[in-house]
Amino acid sequence: MGREAQIDAARDCFYRGFFAAALGAYLETTAAMDAYGERRKGVLSADDLATWSASYEAPLSYDYGDWRL
């Protein structure tokens, strides 16, 4: 499995799988800080996670002597 396929599998689990369901259920009943600095319940739902998608970016590296960081 290539890098992008592995990333897609991890994203699917995180944004649409059991983790998204558990996080959504937790945030329905637990107050969390919103963008205005106020504590509110339901600031993020499983549907919010399922509809969001990140973009791909090339991995960063830096050459330092004989090391590649």
PDB file of N, CA and C in Angstrom:
ATOM      1  N   MET A   1       0.854  -1.171   0.000  1.00  0.00           N
ATOM      2  CA  MET A   1       0.000   0.000   0.000  1.00  0.00           C
ATOM      3  C   MET A   1       0.903   1.238   0.000  1.00  0.00           C
ATOM      4  N   GLY A   2       0.635   2.177  -0.893  1.00  0.00           N
ATOM      5  CA  GLY A   2       1.434   3.389  -1.003  1.00  0.00           C
ATOM      6  C   GLY A   2       1.095   4.413   0.073  1.00  0.00           C
ATOM      7  N   ARG A   3       1.885   5.476   0.126  1.00  0.00           N
ATOM      8  CA  ARG A   3       1.730   6.521   1.138  1.00  0.00           C
ATOM      9  C   ARG A   3       0.343   7.158   1.110  1.00  0.00           C
ATOM     10  N   GLU A   4      -0.118   7.538  -0.085  1.00  0.00           N
ATOM     11  CA  GLU A   4      -1.420   8.197  -0.172  1.00  0.00           C
ATOM     12  C   GLU A   4      -2.563   7.262   0.207  1.00  0.00           C
ATOM     13  N   ALA A   5      -2.459   5.982  -0.145  1.00  0.00           N
ATOM     14  CA  ALA A   5      -3.489   5.010   0.234  1.00  0.00           C
ATOM     15  C   ALA A   5      -3.526   4.823   1.749  1.00  0.00           C
ATOM     16  N   GLN A   6      -2.350   4.820   2.384  1.00  0.00           N
ATOM     17  CA  GLN A   6      -2.298   4.705   3.840  1.00  0.00           C
ATOM     18  C   GLN A   6      -2.911   5.937   4.505  1.00  0.00           C
ATOM     19  N   ILE A   7      -2.620   7.107   3.955  1.00  0.00           N
ATOM     20  CA  ILE A   7      -3.198   8.345   4.486  1.00  0.00           C
ATOM     21  C   ILE A   7      -4.712   8.315   4.322  1.00  0.00           C
ATOM     22  N   ASP A   8      -5.200   7.884   3.154  1.00  0.00           N
ATOM     23  CA  ASP A   8      -6.643   7.803   2.917  1.00  0.00           C
ATOM     24  C   ASP A   8      -7.321   6.846   3.896  1.00  0.00           C
ATOM     25  N   ALA A   9      -6.696   5.708   4.171  1.00  0.00           N
ATOM     26  CA  ALA A   9      -7.262   4.735   5.114  1.00  0.00           C
ATOM     27  C   ALA A   9      -7.339   5.326   6.525  1.00  0.00           C
ATOM     28  N   ALA A  10      -6.294   6.027   6.940  1.00  0.00           N
ATOM     29  CA  ALA A  10      -6.294   6.656   8.262  1.00  0.00           C
ATOM     30  C   ALA A  10      -7.335   7.770   8.335  1.00  0.00           C
ATOM     31  N   ARG A  11      -7.446   8.565   7.287  1.00  0.00           N
ATOM     32  CA  ARG A  11      -8.450   9.631   7.249  1.00  0.00           C
ATOM     33  C   ARG A  11      -9.853   9.062   7.335  1.00  0.00           C
ATOM     34  N   ASP A  12     -10.092   7.975   6.593  1.00  0.00           N
ATOM     35  CA  ASP A  12     -11.428   7.383   6.596  1.00  0.00           C
ATOM     36  C   ASP A  12     -11.807   6.917   7.996  1.00  0.00           C
ATOM     37  N   CYS A  13     -10.883   6.290   8.685  1.00  0.00           N
ATOM     38  CA  CYS A  13     -11.130   5.837  10.062  1.00  0.00           C
ATOM     39  C   CYS A  13     -11.378   7.031  10.977  1.00  0.00           C
ATOM     40  N   PHE A  14     -10.565   8.056  10.855  1.00  0.00           N
ATOM     41  CA  PHE A  14     -10.662   9.213  11.739  1.00  0.00           C
ATOM     42  C   PHE A  14     -11.914  10.043  11.462  1.00  0.00           C
ATOM     43  N   TYR A  15     -12.177  10.353  10.193  1.00  0.00           N
ATOM     44  CA  TYR A  15     -13.246  11.285   9.849  1.00  0.00           C
ATOM     45  C   TYR A  15     -14.608  10.641   9.626  1.00  0.00           C
ATOM     46  N   ARG A  16     -14.660   9.338   9.326  1.00  0.00           N
ATOM     47  CA  ARG A  16     -15.935   8.700   9.054  1.00  0.00           C
ATOM     48  C   ARG A  16     -16.139   7.391   9.803  1.00  0.00           C
ATOM     49  N   GLY A  17     -15.177   6.975  10.576  1.00  0.00           N
ATOM     50  CA  GLY A  17     -15.245   5.696  11.269  1.00  0.00           C
ATOM     51  C   GLY A  17     -15.620   5.817  12.726  1.00  0.00           C
ATOM     52  N   PHE A  18     -15.171   4.814  13.477  1.00  0.00           N
ATOM     53  CA  PHE A  18     -15.533   4.735  14.892  1.00  0.00           C
ATOM     54  C   PHE A  18     -15.036   5.940  15.689  1.00  0.00           C
ATOM     55  N   PHE A  19     -13.901   6.493  15.314  1.00  0.00           N
ATOM     56  CA  PHE A  19     -13.376   7.641  16.060  1.00  0.00           C
ATOM     57  C   PHE A  19     -14.296   8.845  15.912  1.00  0.00           C
ATOM     58  N   ALA A  20     -14.753   9.124  14.695  1.00  0.00           N
ATOM     59  CA  ALA A  20     -15.661  10.255  14.461  1.00  0.00           C
ATOM     60  C   ALA A  20     -16.957  10.073  15.244  1.00  0.00           C
ATOM     61  N   ALA A  21     -17.487   8.853  15.262  1.00  0.00           N
ATOM     62  CA  ALA A  21     -18.721   8.586  16.003  1.00  0.00           C
ATOM     63  C   ALA A  21     -18.513   8.805  17.497  1.00  0.00           C
ATOM     64  N   ALA A  22     -17.400   8.315  18.043  1.00  0.00           N
ATOM     65  CA  ALA A  22     -17.123   8.472  19.466  1.00  0.00           C
ATOM     66  C   ALA A  22     -16.894   9.937  19.832  1.00  0.00           C
ATOM     67  N   LEU A  23     -16.155  10.657  19.009  1.00  0.00           N
ATOM     68  CA  LEU A  23     -15.900  12.075  19.282  1.00  0.00           C
ATOM     69  C   LEU A  23     -17.189  12.879  19.198  1.00  0.00           C
ATOM     70  N   GLY A  24     -18.004  12.608  18.181  1.00  0.00           N
ATOM     71  CA  GLY A  24     -19.282  13.308  18.048  1.00  0.00           C
ATOM     72  C   GLY A  24     -20.188  13.066  19.242  1.00  0.00           C
ATOM     73  N   ALA A  25     -20.267  11.809  19.705  1.00  0.00           N
ATOM     74  CA  ALA A  25     -21.097  11.487  20.865  1.00  0.00           C
ATOM     75  C   ALA A  25     -20.575  12.180  22.126  1.00  0.00           C
ATOM     76  N   TYR A  26     -19.265  12.218  22.285  1.00  0.00           N
ATOM     77  CA  TYR A  26     -18.660  12.876  23.444  1.00  0.00           C
ATOM     78  C   TYR A  26     -18.959  14.381  23.444  1.00  0.00           C
ATOM     79  N   LEU A  27     -18.797  15.018  22.293  1.00  0.00           N
ATOM     80  CA  LEU A  27     -18.971  16.473  22.236  1.00  0.00           C
ATOM     81  C   LEU A  27     -20.435  16.909  22.269  1.00  0.00           C
ATOM     82  N   GLU A  28     -21.377  15.965  22.072  1.00  0.00           N
ATOM     83  CA  GLU A  28     -22.796  16.315  22.218  1.00  0.00           C
ATOM     84  C   GLU A  28     -23.128  16.642  23.672  1.00  0.00           C
ATOM     85  N   THR A  29     -22.426  16.020  24.596  1.00  0.00           N
ATOM     86  CA  THR A  29     -22.759  16.169  26.006  1.00  0.00           C
ATOM     87  C   THR A  29     -21.693  16.894  26.821  1.00  0.00           C
ATOM     88  N   THR A  30     -20.550  17.175  26.238  1.00  0.00           N
ATOM     89  CA  THR A  30     -19.445  17.798  26.960  1.00  0.00           C
ATOM     90  C   THR A  30     -19.192  19.193  26.408  1.00  0.00           C
ATOM     91  N   ALA A  31     -19.091  20.162  27.285  1.00  0.00           N
ATOM     92  CA  ALA A  31     -18.824  21.531  26.864  1.00  0.00           C
ATOM     93  C   ALA A  31     -17.359  21.662  26.445  1.00  0.00           C
ATOM     94  N   ALA A  32     -17.150  22.294  25.310  1.00  0.00           N
ATOM     95  CA  ALA A  32     -15.799  22.543  24.801  1.00  0.00           C
ATOM     96  C   ALA A  32     -15.712  24.008  24.391  1.00  0.00           C
ATOM     97  N   MET A  33     -14.505  24.524  24.355  1.00  0.00           N
ATOM     98  CA  MET A  33     -14.284  25.923  24.004  1.00  0.00           C
ATOM     99  C   MET A  33     -14.607  26.148  22.528  1.00  0.00           C
ATOM    100  N   ASP A  34     -15.410  27.166  22.226  1.00  0.00           N
ATOM    101  CA  ASP A  34     -15.702  27.500  20.835  1.00  0.00           C
ATOM    102  C   ASP A  34     -14.739  28.585  20.345  1.00  0.00           C
ATOM    103  N   ALA A  35     -14.937  29.044  19.128  1.00  0.00           N
ATOM    104  CA  ALA A  35     -14.040  30.027  18.520  1.00  0.00           C
ATOM    105  C   ALA A  35     -14.074  31.376  19.232  1.00  0.00           C
ATOM    106  N   TYR A  36     -15.124  31.620  20.017  1.00  0.00           N
ATOM    107  CA  TYR A  36     -15.252  32.884  20.730  1.00  0.00           C
ATOM    108  C   TYR A  36     -14.764  32.792  22.172  1.00  0.00           C
ATOM    109  N   GLY A  37     -14.225  31.635  22.549  1.00  0.00           N
ATOM    110  CA  GLY A  37     -13.720  31.463  23.899  1.00  0.00           C
ATOM    111  C   GLY A  37     -14.788  31.116  24.917  1.00  0.00           C
ATOM    112  N   GLU A  38     -15.964  30.709  24.442  1.00  0.00           N
ATOM    113  CA  GLU A  38     -17.048  30.323  25.343  1.00  0.00           C
ATOM    114  C   GLU A  38     -17.208  28.807  25.323  1.00  0.00           C
ATOM    115  N   ARG A  39     -17.629  28.258  26.457  1.00  0.00           N
ATOM    116  CA  ARG A  39     -17.832  26.808  26.542  1.00  0.00           C
ATOM    117  C   ARG A  39     -19.237  26.473  26.045  1.00  0.00           C
ATOM    118  N   ARG A  40     -19.307  25.537  25.083  1.00  0.00           N
ATOM    119  CA  ARG A  40     -20.587  25.127  24.505  1.00  0.00           C
ATOM    120  C   ARG A  40     -20.566  23.628  24.237  1.00  0.00           C
ATOM    121  N   LYS A  41     -21.747  23.043  24.244  1.00  0.00           N
ATOM    122  CA  LYS A  41     -21.887  21.638  23.871  1.00  0.00           C
ATOM    123  C   LYS A  41     -22.137  21.559  22.368  1.00  0.00           C
ATOM    124  N   GLY A  42     -21.705  20.465  21.761  1.00  0.00           N
ATOM    125  CA  GLY A  42     -21.976  20.229  20.345  1.00  0.00           C
ATOM    126  C   GLY A  42     -21.209  21.130  19.396  1.00  0.00           C
ATOM    127  N   VAL A  43     -19.989  21.554  19.756  1.00  0.00           N
ATOM    128  CA  VAL A  43     -19.225  22.443  18.880  1.00  0.00           C
ATOM    129  C   VAL A  43     -18.725  21.725  17.622  1.00  0.00           C
ATOM    130  N   LEU A  44     -18.706  20.396  17.656  1.00  0.00           N
ATOM    131  CA  LEU A  44     -18.255  19.604  16.517  1.00  0.00           C
ATOM    132  C   LEU A  44     -19.050  18.309  16.517  1.00  0.00           C
ATOM    133  N   SER A  45     -19.510  17.888  15.333  1.00  0.00           N
ATOM    134  CA  SER A  45     -20.290  16.655  15.243  1.00  0.00           C
ATOM    135  C   SER A  45     -19.586  15.665  14.322  1.00  0.00           C
ATOM    136  N   ALA A  46     -20.050  14.431  14.350  1.00  0.00           N
ATOM    137  CA  ALA A  46     -19.512  13.414  13.442  1.00  0.00           C
ATOM    138  C   ALA A  46     -19.751  13.826  11.986  1.00  0.00           C
ATOM    139  N   ASP A  47     -20.863  14.482  11.697  1.00  0.00           N
ATOM    140  CA  ASP A  47     -21.128  14.963  10.332  1.00  0.00           C
ATOM    141  C   ASP A  47     -20.135  16.038   9.917  1.00  0.00           C
ATOM    142  N   ASP A  48     -19.739  16.896  10.858  1.00  0.00           N
ATOM    143  CA  ASP A  48     -18.724  17.909  10.558  1.00  0.00           C
ATOM    144  C   ASP A  48     -17.430  17.238  10.107  1.00  0.00           C
ATOM    145  N   LEU A  49     -17.024  16.210  10.831  1.00  0.00           N
ATOM    146  CA  LEU A  49     -15.803  15.486  10.473  1.00  0.00           C
ATOM    147  C   LEU A  49     -15.941  14.807   9.118  1.00  0.00           C
ATOM    148  N   ALA A  50     -17.091  14.195   8.865  1.00  0.00           N
ATOM    149  CA  ALA A  50     -17.290  13.428   7.634  1.00  0.00           C
ATOM    150  C   ALA A  50     -17.272  14.303   6.384  1.00  0.00           C
ATOM    151  N   THR A  51     -17.650  15.565   6.516  1.00  0.00           N
ATOM    152  CA  THR A  51     -17.717  16.430   5.336  1.00  0.00           C
ATOM    153  C   THR A  51     -16.458  17.253   5.102  1.00  0.00           C
ATOM    154  N   TRP A  52     -15.481  17.174   6.000  1.00  0.00           N
ATOM    155  CA  TRP A  52     -14.240  17.942   5.857  1.00  0.00           C
ATOM    156  C   TRP A  52     -13.165  17.075   5.226  1.00  0.00           C
ATOM    157  N   SER A  53     -12.296  17.688   4.435  1.00  0.00           N
ATOM    158  CA  SER A  53     -11.207  16.940   3.810  1.00  0.00           C
ATOM    159  C   SER A  53      -9.949  17.802   3.758  1.00  0.00           C
ATOM    160  N   ALA A  54      -8.834  17.208   4.164  1.00  0.00           N
ATOM    161  CA  ALA A  54      -7.547  17.903   4.103  1.00  0.00           C
ATOM    162  C   ALA A  54      -6.917  17.675   2.737  1.00  0.00           C
ATOM    163  N   SER A  55      -5.969  18.513   2.398  1.00  0.00           N
ATOM    164  CA  SER A  55      -5.258  18.360   1.125  1.00  0.00           C
ATOM    165  C   SER A  55      -3.945  17.614   1.355  1.00  0.00           C
ATOM    166  N   TYR A  56      -3.403  17.076   0.277  1.00  0.00           N
ATOM    167  CA  TYR A  56      -2.109  16.410   0.349  1.00  0.00           C
ATOM    168  C   TYR A  56      -1.001  17.444   0.220  1.00  0.00           C
ATOM    169  N   GLU A  57       0.063  17.263   0.970  1.00  0.00           N
ATOM    170  CA  GLU A  57       1.240  18.112   0.855  1.00  0.00           C
ATOM    171  C   GLU A  57       2.473  17.224   0.836  1.00  0.00           C
ATOM    172  N   ALA A  58       3.472  17.660   0.136  1.00  0.00           N
ATOM    173  CA  ALA A  58       4.709  16.893   0.081  1.00  0.00           C
ATOM    174  C   ALA A  58       5.361  16.866   1.463  1.00  0.00           C
ATOM    175  N   PRO A  59       5.978  15.754   1.842  1.00  0.00           N
ATOM    176  CA  PRO A  59       6.665  15.719   3.128  1.00  0.00           C
ATOM    177  C   PRO A  59       7.821  16.718   3.153  1.00  0.00           C
ATOM    178  N   LEU A  60       8.077  17.296   4.300  1.00  0.00           N
ATOM    179  CA  LEU A  60       9.157  18.264   4.440  1.00  0.00           C
ATOM    180  C   LEU A  60      10.450  17.552   4.817  1.00  0.00           C
ATOM    181  N   SER A  61      11.541  18.017   4.282  1.00  0.00           N
ATOM    182  CA  SER A  61      12.838  17.486   4.684  1.00  0.00           C
ATOM    183  C   SER A  61      13.866  18.611   4.603  1.00  0.00           C
ATOM    184  N   TYR A  62      15.006  18.381   5.276  1.00  0.00           N
ATOM    185  CA  TYR A  62      16.062  19.382   5.317  1.00  0.00           C
ATOM    186  C   TYR A  62      17.392  18.650   5.403  1.00  0.00           C
ATOM    187  N   ASP A  63      18.338  19.046   4.585  1.00  0.00           N
ATOM    188  CA  ASP A  63      19.672  18.455   4.636  1.00  0.00           C
ATOM    189  C   ASP A  63      20.542  19.251   5.602  1.00  0.00           C
ATOM    190  N   TYR A  64      21.141  18.531   6.558  1.00  0.00           N
ATOM    191  CA  TYR A  64      22.036  19.143   7.533  1.00  0.00           C
ATOM    192  C   TYR A  64      23.268  18.261   7.618  1.00  0.00           C
ATOM    193  N   GLY A  65      24.327  18.648   6.963  1.00  0.00           N
ATOM    194  CA  GLY A  65      25.529  17.806   6.901  1.00  0.00           C
ATOM    195  C   GLY A  65      25.203  16.498   6.205  1.00  0.00           C
ATOM    196  N   ASP A  66      25.478  15.394   6.887  1.00  0.00           N
ATOM    197  CA  ASP A  66      25.170  14.077   6.333  1.00  0.00           C
ATOM    198  C   ASP A  66      23.759  13.615   6.701  1.00  0.00           C
ATOM    199  N   TRP A  67      23.006  14.435   7.383  1.00  0.00           N
ATOM    200  CA  TRP A  67      21.686  14.048   7.840  1.00  0.00           C
ATOM    201  C   TRP A  67      20.597  14.661   6.966  1.00  0.00           C
ATOM    202  N   ARG A  68      19.557  13.933   6.760  1.00  0.00           N
ATOM    203  CA  ARG A  68      18.350  14.473   6.131  1.00  0.00           C
ATOM    204  C   ARG A  68      17.253  14.473   7.184  1.00  0.00           C
ATOM    205  N   LEU A  69      16.785  15.640   7.531  1.00  0.00           N
ATOM    206  CA  LEU A  69      15.771  15.783   8.578  1.00  0.00           C
ATOM    207  C   LEU A  69      14.422  16.048   7.961  1.00  0.00           C
TER     208      LEU A  69
END
